[in-house]
Amino acid sequence: MHLSLADCMIYTMWAIFGLMIIDFLIAFFRLFWEGSFNPTFVLGYLKDVLYYVLPLNVIISMSPIDPTRWILVIFYFVGGVAVVLKYLMDIKRKFH
């Protein structure tokens, strides 16, 4: 199995969306069972896509203009790890 840079980028995005979905489902079921369900909580997740995912895509799409070809890729992975950690901490906080 070959693990290229492009594969790592795709797996980073999958991790972000996967954790976002898990966090969404936990919040959805918790609100539903408490009886305080309000569909506007979805807007927070749409903002997260706008604030976290879109900038990562913009950063990686600008990589052809990077003279070193590594600076923006490093920023992409640092940002991706930060978003993954944010969602892991959010999920952990919902269980405590």
N, C-alpha and C. Protein backbone atom coordinates (compact mmCIF):
# COMPACT_ATOMS: atom_id res chain seq x y z
N MET A 1 0.85 -1.18 0.00
CA MET A 1 0.00 0.00 0.00
C MET A 1 0.89 1.23 0.00
N HIS A 2 0.62 2.11 -0.91
CA HIS A 2 1.41 3.31 -1.07
C HIS A 2 0.66 4.48 -0.45
N LEU A 3 1.34 5.25 0.38
CA LEU A 3 0.71 6.38 1.05
C LEU A 3 1.37 7.66 0.55
N SER A 4 0.71 8.30 -0.40
CA SER A 4 1.26 9.52 -0.98
C SER A 4 0.75 10.75 -0.24
N LEU A 5 1.28 11.88 -0.61
CA LEU A 5 0.87 13.14 0.00
C LEU A 5 -0.61 13.42 -0.28
N ALA A 6 -1.03 13.13 -1.51
CA ALA A 6 -2.44 13.36 -1.87
C ALA A 6 -3.35 12.45 -1.04
N ASP A 7 -2.92 11.21 -0.79
CA ASP A 7 -3.72 10.32 0.06
C ASP A 7 -3.85 10.88 1.46
N CYS A 8 -2.75 11.39 2.00
CA CYS A 8 -2.80 11.97 3.35
C CYS A 8 -3.73 13.18 3.41
N MET A 9 -3.76 13.97 2.35
CA MET A 9 -4.66 15.12 2.31
C MET A 9 -6.11 14.68 2.29
N ILE A 10 -6.40 13.66 1.52
CA ILE A 10 -7.77 13.15 1.46
C ILE A 10 -8.17 12.55 2.80
N TYR A 11 -7.28 11.79 3.44
CA TYR A 11 -7.59 11.21 4.74
C TYR A 11 -7.79 12.28 5.81
N THR A 12 -7.05 13.37 5.71
CA THR A 12 -7.24 14.48 6.64
C THR A 12 -8.64 15.07 6.49
N MET A 13 -9.07 15.26 5.25
CA MET A 13 -10.40 15.81 5.01
C MET A 13 -11.48 14.81 5.44
N TRP A 14 -11.26 13.53 5.22
CA TRP A 14 -12.21 12.51 5.68
C TRP A 14 -12.31 12.52 7.19
N ALA A 15 -11.19 12.67 7.87
CA ALA A 15 -11.21 12.72 9.34
C ALA A 15 -12.00 13.92 9.82
N ILE A 16 -11.81 15.05 9.17
CA ILE A 16 -12.54 16.26 9.57
C ILE A 16 -14.04 16.06 9.38
N PHE A 17 -14.44 15.60 8.20
CA PHE A 17 -15.87 15.41 7.95
C PHE A 17 -16.45 14.28 8.80
N GLY A 18 -15.68 13.23 9.03
CA GLY A 18 -16.16 12.14 9.87
C GLY A 18 -16.41 12.59 11.29
N LEU A 19 -15.46 13.32 11.86
CA LEU A 19 -15.64 13.82 13.23
C LEU A 19 -16.76 14.86 13.29
N MET A 20 -16.91 15.63 12.24
CA MET A 20 -18.00 16.61 12.19
C MET A 20 -19.35 15.90 12.19
N ILE A 21 -19.45 14.81 11.45
CA ILE A 21 -20.70 14.06 11.41
C ILE A 21 -20.98 13.40 12.76
N ILE A 22 -19.95 12.83 13.39
CA ILE A 22 -20.13 12.21 14.71
C ILE A 22 -20.59 13.26 15.72
N ASP A 23 -19.95 14.42 15.71
CA ASP A 23 -20.33 15.50 16.62
C ASP A 23 -21.77 15.95 16.35
N PHE A 24 -22.13 16.05 15.07
CA PHE A 24 -23.48 16.44 14.70
C PHE A 24 -24.51 15.42 15.20
N LEU A 25 -24.22 14.14 15.00
CA LEU A 25 -25.17 13.11 15.43
C LEU A 25 -25.34 13.07 16.94
N ILE A 26 -24.25 13.25 17.66
CA ILE A 26 -24.34 13.28 19.13
C ILE A 26 -25.22 14.45 19.56
N ALA A 27 -24.98 15.63 18.98
CA ALA A 27 -25.79 16.80 19.33
C ALA A 27 -27.24 16.62 18.92
N PHE A 28 -27.45 16.05 17.74
CA PHE A 28 -28.81 15.84 17.24
C PHE A 28 -29.60 14.92 18.17
N PHE A 29 -29.03 13.76 18.51
CA PHE A 29 -29.75 12.81 19.36
C PHE A 29 -29.93 13.35 20.78
N ARG A 30 -28.95 14.07 21.27
CA ARG A 30 -29.09 14.63 22.62
C ARG A 30 -30.23 15.66 22.66
N LEU A 31 -30.27 16.55 21.67
CA LEU A 31 -31.35 17.54 21.62
C LEU A 31 -32.71 16.87 21.39
N PHE A 32 -32.72 15.86 20.56
CA PHE A 32 -33.97 15.17 20.26
C PHE A 32 -34.53 14.48 21.49
N TRP A 33 -33.69 13.78 22.24
CA TRP A 33 -34.18 13.05 23.41
C TRP A 33 -34.49 13.97 24.58
N GLU A 34 -33.85 15.13 24.65
CA GLU A 34 -34.18 16.08 25.71
C GLU A 34 -35.46 16.83 25.41
N GLY A 35 -35.91 16.78 24.17
CA GLY A 35 -37.13 17.48 23.79
C GLY A 35 -36.90 18.93 23.45
N SER A 36 -35.65 19.34 23.36
CA SER A 36 -35.35 20.74 23.04
C SER A 36 -34.81 20.86 21.63
N PHE A 37 -35.33 20.03 20.74
CA PHE A 37 -34.84 20.02 19.36
C PHE A 37 -35.19 21.32 18.65
N ASN A 38 -34.18 21.91 18.07
CA ASN A 38 -34.35 23.14 17.29
C ASN A 38 -33.48 22.99 16.05
N PRO A 39 -34.07 23.06 14.87
CA PRO A 39 -33.29 22.82 13.65
C PRO A 39 -32.20 23.87 13.38
N THR A 40 -32.18 24.94 14.12
CA THR A 40 -31.17 25.96 13.87
C THR A 40 -29.77 25.55 14.35
N PHE A 41 -29.67 24.46 15.12
CA PHE A 41 -28.34 24.03 15.55
C PHE A 41 -27.50 23.56 14.36
N VAL A 42 -28.16 23.26 13.25
CA VAL A 42 -27.45 22.84 12.04
C VAL A 42 -26.62 23.99 11.48
N LEU A 43 -27.05 25.20 11.71
CA LEU A 43 -26.32 26.37 11.19
C LEU A 43 -24.91 26.46 11.74
N GLY A 44 -24.70 26.00 12.97
CA GLY A 44 -23.36 25.99 13.53
C GLY A 44 -22.43 25.09 12.73
N TYR A 45 -22.93 23.97 12.26
CA TYR A 45 -22.11 23.05 11.47
C TYR A 45 -21.85 23.61 10.07
N LEU A 46 -22.82 24.33 9.54
CA LEU A 46 -22.58 24.99 8.26
C LEU A 46 -21.51 26.08 8.39
N LYS A 47 -21.53 26.79 9.51
CA LYS A 47 -20.48 27.78 9.76
C LYS A 47 -19.13 27.11 9.90
N ASP A 48 -19.10 25.94 10.54
CA ASP A 48 -17.83 25.21 10.68
C ASP A 48 -17.26 24.82 9.32
N VAL A 49 -18.14 24.41 8.41
CA VAL A 49 -17.67 24.09 7.06
C VAL A 49 -17.10 25.34 6.40
N LEU A 50 -17.77 26.46 6.59
CA LEU A 50 -17.31 27.71 6.00
C LEU A 50 -16.02 28.21 6.63
N TYR A 51 -15.88 28.08 7.95
CA TYR A 51 -14.73 28.62 8.65
C TYR A 51 -13.53 27.67 8.70
N TYR A 52 -13.76 26.36 8.64
CA TYR A 52 -12.66 25.40 8.80
C TYR A 52 -12.31 24.65 7.52
N VAL A 53 -13.32 24.16 6.80
CA VAL A 53 -13.05 23.32 5.64
C VAL A 53 -12.70 24.16 4.41
N LEU A 54 -13.45 25.19 4.16
CA LEU A 54 -13.19 26.02 2.98
C LEU A 54 -11.79 26.65 3.00
N PRO A 55 -11.32 27.21 4.12
CA PRO A 55 -9.95 27.73 4.12
C PRO A 55 -8.89 26.67 3.84
N LEU A 56 -9.11 25.45 4.30
CA LEU A 56 -8.16 24.38 4.00
C LEU A 56 -8.12 24.10 2.49
N ASN A 57 -9.29 24.11 1.87
CA ASN A 57 -9.33 23.90 0.42
C ASN A 57 -8.68 25.05 -0.34
N VAL A 58 -8.86 26.26 0.15
CA VAL A 58 -8.23 27.42 -0.50
C VAL A 58 -6.72 27.34 -0.35
N ILE A 59 -6.25 26.97 0.85
CA ILE A 59 -4.81 26.86 1.08
C ILE A 59 -4.20 25.84 0.14
N ILE A 60 -4.82 24.69 0.00
CA ILE A 60 -4.23 23.66 -0.84
C ILE A 60 -4.37 23.99 -2.31
N SER A 61 -5.39 24.76 -2.68
CA SER A 61 -5.51 25.15 -4.09
C SER A 61 -4.49 26.22 -4.47
N MET A 62 -3.93 26.92 -3.47
CA MET A 62 -2.89 27.93 -3.75
C MET A 62 -1.49 27.32 -3.77
N SER A 63 -1.36 26.03 -3.55
CA SER A 63 -0.03 25.42 -3.49
C SER A 63 0.77 25.54 -4.79
N PRO A 64 0.16 25.62 -5.98
CA PRO A 64 1.00 25.81 -7.18
C PRO A 64 1.77 27.13 -7.20
N ILE A 65 1.32 28.14 -6.47
CA ILE A 65 2.05 29.40 -6.46
C ILE A 65 3.10 29.47 -5.36
N ASP A 66 3.17 28.42 -4.54
CA ASP A 66 4.16 28.35 -3.47
C ASP A 66 5.51 27.96 -4.07
N PRO A 67 6.51 28.80 -3.94
CA PRO A 67 7.80 28.48 -4.57
C PRO A 67 8.49 27.25 -3.96
N THR A 68 8.24 26.96 -2.70
CA THR A 68 8.88 25.81 -2.07
C THR A 68 8.06 24.53 -2.23
N ARG A 69 6.79 24.66 -2.55
CA ARG A 69 5.85 23.55 -2.68
C ARG A 69 5.56 22.83 -1.36
N TRP A 70 6.05 23.35 -0.24
CA TRP A 70 5.85 22.68 1.04
C TRP A 70 5.22 23.57 2.11
N ILE A 71 5.37 24.86 2.02
CA ILE A 71 4.88 25.75 3.07
C ILE A 71 3.36 25.65 3.20
N LEU A 72 2.65 25.76 2.09
CA LEU A 72 1.18 25.69 2.16
C LEU A 72 0.69 24.29 2.48
N VAL A 73 1.43 23.27 2.08
CA VAL A 73 1.06 21.90 2.45
C VAL A 73 1.20 21.72 3.96
N ILE A 74 2.25 22.27 4.54
CA ILE A 74 2.43 22.20 6.00
C ILE A 74 1.30 22.95 6.70
N PHE A 75 0.94 24.14 6.19
CA PHE A 75 -0.18 24.89 6.76
C PHE A 75 -1.48 24.08 6.68
N TYR A 76 -1.66 23.37 5.56
CA TYR A 76 -2.85 22.55 5.39
C TYR A 76 -2.92 21.48 6.48
N PHE A 77 -1.82 20.77 6.70
CA PHE A 77 -1.83 19.71 7.69
C PHE A 77 -1.91 20.25 9.12
N VAL A 78 -1.29 21.35 9.40
CA VAL A 78 -1.40 21.96 10.73
C VAL A 78 -2.85 22.38 10.98
N GLY A 79 -3.46 23.01 9.99
CA GLY A 79 -4.87 23.40 10.12
C GLY A 79 -5.78 22.19 10.22
N GLY A 80 -5.50 21.15 9.45
CA GLY A 80 -6.30 19.94 9.51
C GLY A 80 -6.22 19.26 10.86
N VAL A 81 -5.01 19.17 11.41
CA VAL A 81 -4.85 18.56 12.73
C VAL A 81 -5.55 19.41 13.79
N ALA A 82 -5.49 20.73 13.65
CA ALA A 82 -6.17 21.60 14.61
C ALA A 82 -7.68 21.39 14.56
N VAL A 83 -8.25 21.24 13.39
CA VAL A 83 -9.70 21.02 13.28
C VAL A 83 -10.07 19.65 13.85
N VAL A 84 -9.26 18.63 13.57
CA VAL A 84 -9.52 17.29 14.11
C VAL A 84 -9.48 17.34 15.63
N LEU A 85 -8.49 18.01 16.20
CA LEU A 85 -8.40 18.12 17.65
C LEU A 85 -9.58 18.89 18.23
N LYS A 86 -10.02 19.93 17.53
CA LYS A 86 -11.18 20.70 17.99
C LYS A 86 -12.40 19.80 18.10
N TYR A 87 -12.65 18.99 17.07
CA TYR A 87 -13.83 18.12 17.11
C TYR A 87 -13.67 17.00 18.13
N LEU A 88 -12.47 16.47 18.29
CA LEU A 88 -12.26 15.45 19.33
C LEU A 88 -12.54 16.02 20.71
N MET A 89 -12.09 17.25 20.97
CA MET A 89 -12.36 17.88 22.26
C MET A 89 -13.84 18.19 22.43
N ASP A 90 -14.51 18.60 21.35
CA ASP A 90 -15.95 18.86 21.42
C ASP A 90 -16.72 17.58 21.74
N ILE A 91 -16.34 16.48 21.10
CA ILE A 91 -17.01 15.21 21.36
C ILE A 91 -16.77 14.76 22.79
N LYS A 92 -15.54 14.90 23.25
CA LYS A 92 -15.22 14.53 24.62
C LYS A 92 -16.00 15.38 25.63
N ARG A 93 -16.14 16.68 25.35
CA ARG A 93 -16.86 17.59 26.23
C ARG A 93 -18.35 17.23 26.30
N LYS A 94 -18.90 16.69 25.23
CA LYS A 94 -20.33 16.34 25.24
C LYS A 94 -20.61 15.12 26.10
N PHE A 95 -19.61 14.30 26.35
CA PHE A 95 -19.80 13.13 27.19
C PHE A 95 -19.47 13.38 28.64
N HIS A 96 -18.98 14.56 28.97
CA HIS A 96 -18.63 14.86 30.37
C HIS A 96 -19.52 15.93 30.92
